[in-house]
């Protein structure tokens, strides 16, 4: 994200791949997951939030649930300007998304759990 501009959209993309084992370098399948971020009008803070990236690979076994968080850190005073939602514009078959959660230890950190 470069700036807070009224009604501006930003794009964030990630790729999910599955491998037959931990030494394989060729994915059995690959799915792109894309997020479109809409900046709401009249921001009261000009410091852009940070979308925290997923670190490393997530190993998934067939038939066993796996969860990960998509986190956003608000660098503004959360009492003045906050993050209201993370919107996933298209449902990903088989993946459930939680409501927006505010961290119990840091009011500037919000996240959603993908399972």
N, C-alpha and C. Protein backbone atom coordinates (compact mmCIF):
# COMPACT_ATOMS: atom_id res chain seq x y z
N UNK A 1 0.84 -1.17 0.00
CA UNK A 1 0.00 0.00 0.00
C UNK A 1 0.88 1.23 0.00
N UNK A 2 0.54 2.18 -0.84
CA UNK A 2 1.38 3.35 -0.97
C UNK A 2 0.82 4.58 -0.26
N UNK A 3 -0.50 4.73 -0.22
CA UNK A 3 -1.05 5.92 0.40
C UNK A 3 -2.51 5.69 0.76
N UNK A 4 -3.04 6.58 1.59
CA UNK A 4 -4.46 6.57 1.89
C UNK A 4 -5.14 7.52 0.91
N UNK A 5 -5.79 7.00 -0.08
CA UNK A 5 -6.50 7.79 -1.06
C UNK A 5 -7.95 7.32 -1.06
N UNK A 6 -8.85 8.26 -0.96
CA UNK A 6 -10.27 7.94 -0.90
C UNK A 6 -10.66 6.96 -1.99
N UNK A 7 -11.34 5.92 -1.60
CA UNK A 7 -11.85 4.85 -2.47
C UNK A 7 -10.76 4.12 -3.26
N UNK A 8 -9.54 4.17 -2.83
CA UNK A 8 -8.49 3.46 -3.54
C UNK A 8 -8.47 1.99 -3.11
N UNK A 9 -8.22 1.11 -4.08
CA UNK A 9 -8.15 -0.32 -3.82
C UNK A 9 -6.70 -0.79 -3.88
N UNK A 10 -6.35 -1.70 -2.99
CA UNK A 10 -5.03 -2.30 -2.99
C UNK A 10 -5.18 -3.81 -3.10
N UNK A 11 -4.23 -4.45 -3.71
CA UNK A 11 -4.29 -5.89 -3.97
C UNK A 11 -3.18 -6.60 -3.20
N UNK A 12 -3.54 -7.71 -2.56
CA UNK A 12 -2.58 -8.54 -1.84
C UNK A 12 -2.81 -9.98 -2.29
N UNK A 13 -1.75 -10.67 -2.67
CA UNK A 13 -1.90 -12.03 -3.19
C UNK A 13 -0.93 -12.97 -2.50
N UNK A 14 -1.38 -14.20 -2.31
CA UNK A 14 -0.55 -15.25 -1.74
C UNK A 14 -0.86 -16.53 -2.48
N UNK A 15 0.02 -17.51 -2.39
CA UNK A 15 -0.19 -18.77 -3.08
C UNK A 15 -0.12 -19.92 -2.08
N UNK A 16 -1.06 -20.86 -2.19
CA UNK A 16 -1.10 -22.04 -1.35
C UNK A 16 -0.77 -23.24 -2.24
N UNK A 17 0.23 -24.02 -1.82
CA UNK A 17 0.64 -25.19 -2.59
C UNK A 17 0.72 -26.40 -1.68
N UNK A 18 0.47 -27.57 -2.25
CA UNK A 18 0.63 -28.80 -1.46
C UNK A 18 1.67 -29.70 -2.14
N UNK A 19 2.43 -30.39 -1.30
CA UNK A 19 3.51 -31.24 -1.77
C UNK A 19 3.31 -32.66 -1.25
N UNK A 20 3.81 -33.62 -1.99
CA UNK A 20 3.62 -35.02 -1.62
C UNK A 20 4.39 -35.38 -0.35
N UNK A 21 5.54 -34.73 -0.13
CA UNK A 21 6.31 -34.94 1.11
C UNK A 21 7.17 -33.71 1.36
N UNK A 22 7.94 -33.73 2.44
CA UNK A 22 8.72 -32.54 2.84
C UNK A 22 9.93 -32.29 1.95
N UNK A 23 10.36 -33.25 1.14
CA UNK A 23 11.52 -33.05 0.28
C UNK A 23 11.15 -32.69 -1.15
N UNK A 24 9.87 -32.83 -1.50
CA UNK A 24 9.41 -32.54 -2.85
C UNK A 24 9.49 -31.04 -3.12
N UNK A 25 9.90 -30.68 -4.34
CA UNK A 25 9.95 -29.27 -4.74
C UNK A 25 8.91 -28.97 -5.82
N UNK A 26 8.16 -29.97 -6.23
CA UNK A 26 7.13 -29.79 -7.24
C UNK A 26 5.76 -29.93 -6.57
N UNK A 27 4.97 -28.85 -6.59
CA UNK A 27 3.66 -28.93 -5.93
C UNK A 27 2.70 -29.85 -6.67
N UNK A 28 1.85 -30.55 -5.89
CA UNK A 28 0.79 -31.36 -6.51
C UNK A 28 -0.32 -30.44 -7.03
N UNK A 29 -0.57 -29.36 -6.32
CA UNK A 29 -1.52 -28.36 -6.78
C UNK A 29 -1.11 -27.00 -6.22
N UNK A 30 -1.66 -25.97 -6.83
CA UNK A 30 -1.32 -24.61 -6.43
C UNK A 30 -2.57 -23.75 -6.57
N UNK A 31 -2.89 -23.00 -5.51
CA UNK A 31 -4.08 -22.15 -5.52
C UNK A 31 -3.67 -20.74 -5.11
N UNK A 32 -4.04 -19.77 -5.93
CA UNK A 32 -3.79 -18.37 -5.58
C UNK A 32 -4.91 -17.87 -4.68
N UNK A 33 -4.53 -17.14 -3.62
CA UNK A 33 -5.49 -16.52 -2.73
C UNK A 33 -5.24 -15.02 -2.84
N UNK A 34 -6.29 -14.28 -3.19
CA UNK A 34 -6.12 -12.86 -3.43
C UNK A 34 -7.03 -12.05 -2.52
N UNK A 35 -6.50 -10.94 -2.05
CA UNK A 35 -7.24 -10.04 -1.18
C UNK A 35 -7.28 -8.67 -1.84
N UNK A 36 -8.44 -8.04 -1.83
CA UNK A 36 -8.60 -6.70 -2.35
C UNK A 36 -8.92 -5.82 -1.15
N UNK A 37 -8.10 -4.81 -0.92
CA UNK A 37 -8.23 -3.95 0.25
C UNK A 37 -8.75 -2.59 -0.20
N UNK A 38 -9.86 -2.17 0.38
CA UNK A 38 -10.50 -0.91 0.04
C UNK A 38 -10.24 0.08 1.17
N UNK A 39 -9.73 1.25 0.82
CA UNK A 39 -9.45 2.27 1.82
C UNK A 39 -10.70 3.14 1.99
N UNK A 40 -11.20 3.18 3.22
CA UNK A 40 -12.40 3.95 3.52
C UNK A 40 -12.10 5.45 3.49
N UNK A 41 -13.10 6.27 3.24
CA UNK A 41 -12.89 7.71 3.18
C UNK A 41 -12.57 8.32 4.55
N UNK A 42 -11.99 9.51 4.51
CA UNK A 42 -11.68 10.34 5.65
C UNK A 42 -10.89 9.65 6.76
N UNK A 43 -9.72 9.14 6.44
CA UNK A 43 -8.90 8.55 7.51
C UNK A 43 -8.42 9.65 8.46
N UNK A 44 -8.33 9.31 9.72
CA UNK A 44 -7.89 10.29 10.70
C UNK A 44 -6.40 10.13 11.04
N UNK A 45 -5.76 9.17 10.40
CA UNK A 45 -4.34 8.95 10.62
C UNK A 45 -3.71 8.60 9.28
N UNK A 46 -2.60 9.22 8.96
CA UNK A 46 -1.95 9.01 7.67
C UNK A 46 -0.90 7.92 7.64
N UNK A 47 -0.76 7.17 8.71
CA UNK A 47 0.25 6.11 8.74
C UNK A 47 -0.41 4.80 8.30
N UNK A 48 0.12 4.21 7.24
CA UNK A 48 -0.51 3.00 6.70
C UNK A 48 -0.29 1.80 7.62
N UNK A 49 -1.28 0.90 7.68
CA UNK A 49 -1.14 -0.31 8.49
C UNK A 49 -0.18 -1.28 7.81
N UNK A 50 0.28 -2.26 8.57
CA UNK A 50 1.19 -3.28 8.04
C UNK A 50 0.44 -4.61 8.02
N UNK A 51 0.39 -5.24 6.86
CA UNK A 51 -0.18 -6.58 6.76
C UNK A 51 0.97 -7.54 7.01
N UNK A 52 0.87 -8.28 8.11
CA UNK A 52 1.96 -9.16 8.51
C UNK A 52 1.96 -10.41 7.64
N UNK A 53 3.08 -10.69 7.00
CA UNK A 53 3.12 -11.84 6.09
C UNK A 53 3.17 -13.16 6.85
N UNK A 54 2.72 -14.20 6.17
CA UNK A 54 2.87 -15.55 6.71
C UNK A 54 4.34 -15.91 6.56
N UNK A 55 4.90 -16.54 7.55
CA UNK A 55 6.30 -16.92 7.53
C UNK A 55 6.43 -18.38 7.13
N UNK A 56 7.28 -18.67 6.16
CA UNK A 56 7.57 -20.05 5.77
C UNK A 56 6.38 -20.74 5.14
N UNK A 57 6.45 -22.04 5.09
CA UNK A 57 5.41 -22.87 4.49
C UNK A 57 4.52 -23.46 5.58
N UNK A 58 3.27 -23.69 5.23
CA UNK A 58 2.35 -24.37 6.12
C UNK A 58 2.18 -25.79 5.60
N UNK A 59 2.59 -26.75 6.38
CA UNK A 59 2.45 -28.15 5.96
C UNK A 59 1.05 -28.63 6.31
N UNK A 60 0.35 -29.18 5.32
CA UNK A 60 -1.03 -29.62 5.51
C UNK A 60 -1.13 -31.09 5.15
N UNK A 61 -1.81 -31.86 6.00
CA UNK A 61 -2.05 -33.28 5.76
C UNK A 61 -3.52 -33.47 5.43
N UNK A 62 -3.80 -34.29 4.42
CA UNK A 62 -5.18 -34.55 4.01
C UNK A 62 -5.98 -35.07 5.20
N UNK A 63 -7.16 -34.48 5.39
CA UNK A 63 -8.05 -34.91 6.46
C UNK A 63 -7.77 -34.30 7.82
N UNK A 64 -6.72 -33.50 7.93
CA UNK A 64 -6.39 -32.86 9.20
C UNK A 64 -6.49 -31.35 9.02
N UNK A 65 -7.27 -30.70 9.89
CA UNK A 65 -7.47 -29.25 9.78
C UNK A 65 -6.17 -28.50 10.04
N UNK A 66 -6.01 -27.41 9.34
CA UNK A 66 -4.85 -26.53 9.53
C UNK A 66 -5.36 -25.10 9.58
N UNK A 67 -4.87 -24.32 10.50
CA UNK A 67 -5.29 -22.93 10.63
C UNK A 67 -4.10 -21.99 10.47
N UNK A 68 -4.39 -20.79 9.96
CA UNK A 68 -3.38 -19.74 9.94
C UNK A 68 -4.09 -18.41 10.13
N UNK A 69 -3.34 -17.42 10.58
CA UNK A 69 -3.88 -16.09 10.82
C UNK A 69 -3.43 -15.13 9.73
N UNK A 70 -4.32 -14.23 9.33
CA UNK A 70 -3.97 -13.09 8.51
C UNK A 70 -4.06 -11.90 9.44
N UNK A 71 -2.91 -11.27 9.72
CA UNK A 71 -2.85 -10.21 10.74
C UNK A 71 -2.53 -8.86 10.11
N UNK A 72 -3.11 -7.82 10.71
CA UNK A 72 -2.85 -6.45 10.27
C UNK A 72 -2.53 -5.63 11.52
N UNK A 73 -1.43 -4.88 11.44
CA UNK A 73 -1.00 -4.04 12.56
C UNK A 73 -1.30 -2.58 12.24
N UNK A 74 -2.12 -1.96 13.08
CA UNK A 74 -2.48 -0.55 12.95
C UNK A 74 -1.40 0.28 13.64
N UNK A 75 -0.72 1.14 12.90
CA UNK A 75 0.35 1.97 13.47
C UNK A 75 -0.17 3.28 14.04
N UNK A 76 -1.49 3.52 13.91
CA UNK A 76 -2.10 4.71 14.47
C UNK A 76 -2.64 4.39 15.87
N UNK A 77 -2.97 5.41 16.62
CA UNK A 77 -3.60 5.23 17.93
C UNK A 77 -4.94 4.54 17.70
N UNK A 78 -5.15 3.33 18.24
CA UNK A 78 -6.41 2.61 18.00
C UNK A 78 -7.65 3.32 18.56
N UNK A 79 -7.45 4.30 19.43
CA UNK A 79 -8.57 5.09 19.94
C UNK A 79 -9.01 6.16 18.95
N UNK A 80 -8.16 6.45 17.97
CA UNK A 80 -8.45 7.47 16.96
C UNK A 80 -8.81 6.85 15.62
N UNK A 81 -8.04 5.86 15.21
CA UNK A 81 -8.24 5.24 13.90
C UNK A 81 -8.02 3.74 14.03
N UNK A 82 -8.98 2.97 13.57
CA UNK A 82 -8.86 1.52 13.71
C UNK A 82 -9.14 0.78 12.42
N UNK A 83 -8.89 -0.50 12.44
CA UNK A 83 -9.18 -1.36 11.30
C UNK A 83 -10.52 -2.03 11.60
N UNK A 84 -11.48 -1.81 10.72
CA UNK A 84 -12.84 -2.28 10.96
C UNK A 84 -13.09 -3.67 10.41
N UNK A 85 -12.37 -4.07 9.38
CA UNK A 85 -12.65 -5.36 8.78
C UNK A 85 -11.55 -5.77 7.81
N UNK A 86 -11.42 -7.06 7.61
CA UNK A 86 -10.63 -7.65 6.53
C UNK A 86 -11.64 -8.41 5.70
N UNK A 87 -11.79 -8.03 4.45
CA UNK A 87 -12.83 -8.62 3.61
C UNK A 87 -12.21 -9.58 2.62
N UNK A 88 -12.73 -10.80 2.58
CA UNK A 88 -12.35 -11.78 1.57
C UNK A 88 -13.48 -11.74 0.55
N UNK A 89 -13.17 -11.26 -0.66
CA UNK A 89 -14.23 -11.00 -1.64
C UNK A 89 -14.81 -12.25 -2.26
N UNK A 90 -14.10 -13.34 -2.25
CA UNK A 90 -14.63 -14.58 -2.82
C UNK A 90 -14.36 -15.72 -1.85
N UNK A 91 -15.37 -16.53 -1.62
CA UNK A 91 -15.23 -17.66 -0.73
C UNK A 91 -14.24 -18.66 -1.30
N UNK A 92 -13.38 -19.19 -0.45
CA UNK A 92 -12.43 -20.22 -0.85
C UNK A 92 -13.04 -21.54 -0.38
N UNK A 93 -13.34 -22.42 -1.33
CA UNK A 93 -14.02 -23.67 -1.00
C UNK A 93 -13.23 -24.45 0.04
N UNK A 94 -13.91 -24.83 1.12
CA UNK A 94 -13.29 -25.63 2.17
C UNK A 94 -12.58 -24.83 3.24
N UNK A 95 -12.46 -23.52 3.06
CA UNK A 95 -11.78 -22.70 4.07
C UNK A 95 -12.81 -21.83 4.78
N UNK A 96 -12.79 -21.88 6.11
CA UNK A 96 -13.66 -21.05 6.92
C UNK A 96 -12.87 -19.86 7.44
N UNK A 97 -13.51 -18.70 7.50
CA UNK A 97 -12.85 -17.47 7.94
C UNK A 97 -13.57 -16.94 9.17
N UNK A 98 -12.82 -16.64 10.23
CA UNK A 98 -13.42 -16.10 11.45
C UNK A 98 -13.79 -14.64 11.26
N UNK A 99 -14.54 -14.10 12.21
CA UNK A 99 -14.77 -12.67 12.27
C UNK A 99 -13.45 -11.99 12.64
N UNK A 100 -13.39 -10.68 12.47
CA UNK A 100 -12.20 -9.93 12.85
C UNK A 100 -12.00 -10.03 14.36
N UNK A 101 -10.78 -10.35 14.77
CA UNK A 101 -10.45 -10.50 16.19
C UNK A 101 -9.43 -9.44 16.57
N UNK A 102 -9.66 -8.76 17.67
CA UNK A 102 -8.70 -7.79 18.20
C UNK A 102 -7.83 -8.54 19.21
N UNK A 103 -6.53 -8.42 19.07
CA UNK A 103 -5.60 -9.11 19.97
C UNK A 103 -5.87 -8.70 21.42
N UNK A 104 -5.84 -9.68 22.32
CA UNK A 104 -6.06 -9.39 23.74
C UNK A 104 -4.85 -8.72 24.38
N UNK A 105 -3.69 -8.78 23.73
CA UNK A 105 -2.47 -8.19 24.30
C UNK A 105 -2.02 -6.93 23.58
N UNK A 106 -2.61 -6.64 22.39
CA UNK A 106 -2.20 -5.47 21.62
C UNK A 106 -3.40 -4.97 20.83
N UNK A 107 -4.03 -3.87 21.27
CA UNK A 107 -5.24 -3.34 20.62
C UNK A 107 -4.97 -2.86 19.19
N UNK A 108 -3.72 -2.71 18.81
CA UNK A 108 -3.38 -2.26 17.46
C UNK A 108 -3.29 -3.44 16.48
N UNK A 109 -3.36 -4.66 16.99
CA UNK A 109 -3.23 -5.85 16.14
C UNK A 109 -4.59 -6.53 16.00
N UNK A 110 -5.02 -6.70 14.75
CA UNK A 110 -6.26 -7.42 14.46
C UNK A 110 -5.93 -8.57 13.52
N UNK A 111 -6.75 -9.60 13.55
CA UNK A 111 -6.49 -10.75 12.67
C UNK A 111 -7.76 -11.54 12.42
N UNK A 112 -7.69 -12.36 11.40
CA UNK A 112 -8.72 -13.33 11.10
C UNK A 112 -8.05 -14.70 11.03
N UNK A 113 -8.80 -15.72 11.46
CA UNK A 113 -8.29 -17.08 11.44
C UNK A 113 -8.89 -17.80 10.23
N UNK A 114 -8.03 -18.37 9.40
CA UNK A 114 -8.45 -19.17 8.25
C UNK A 114 -8.23 -20.64 8.63
N UNK A 115 -9.28 -21.46 8.51
CA UNK A 115 -9.18 -22.88 8.84
C UNK A 115 -9.67 -23.71 7.68
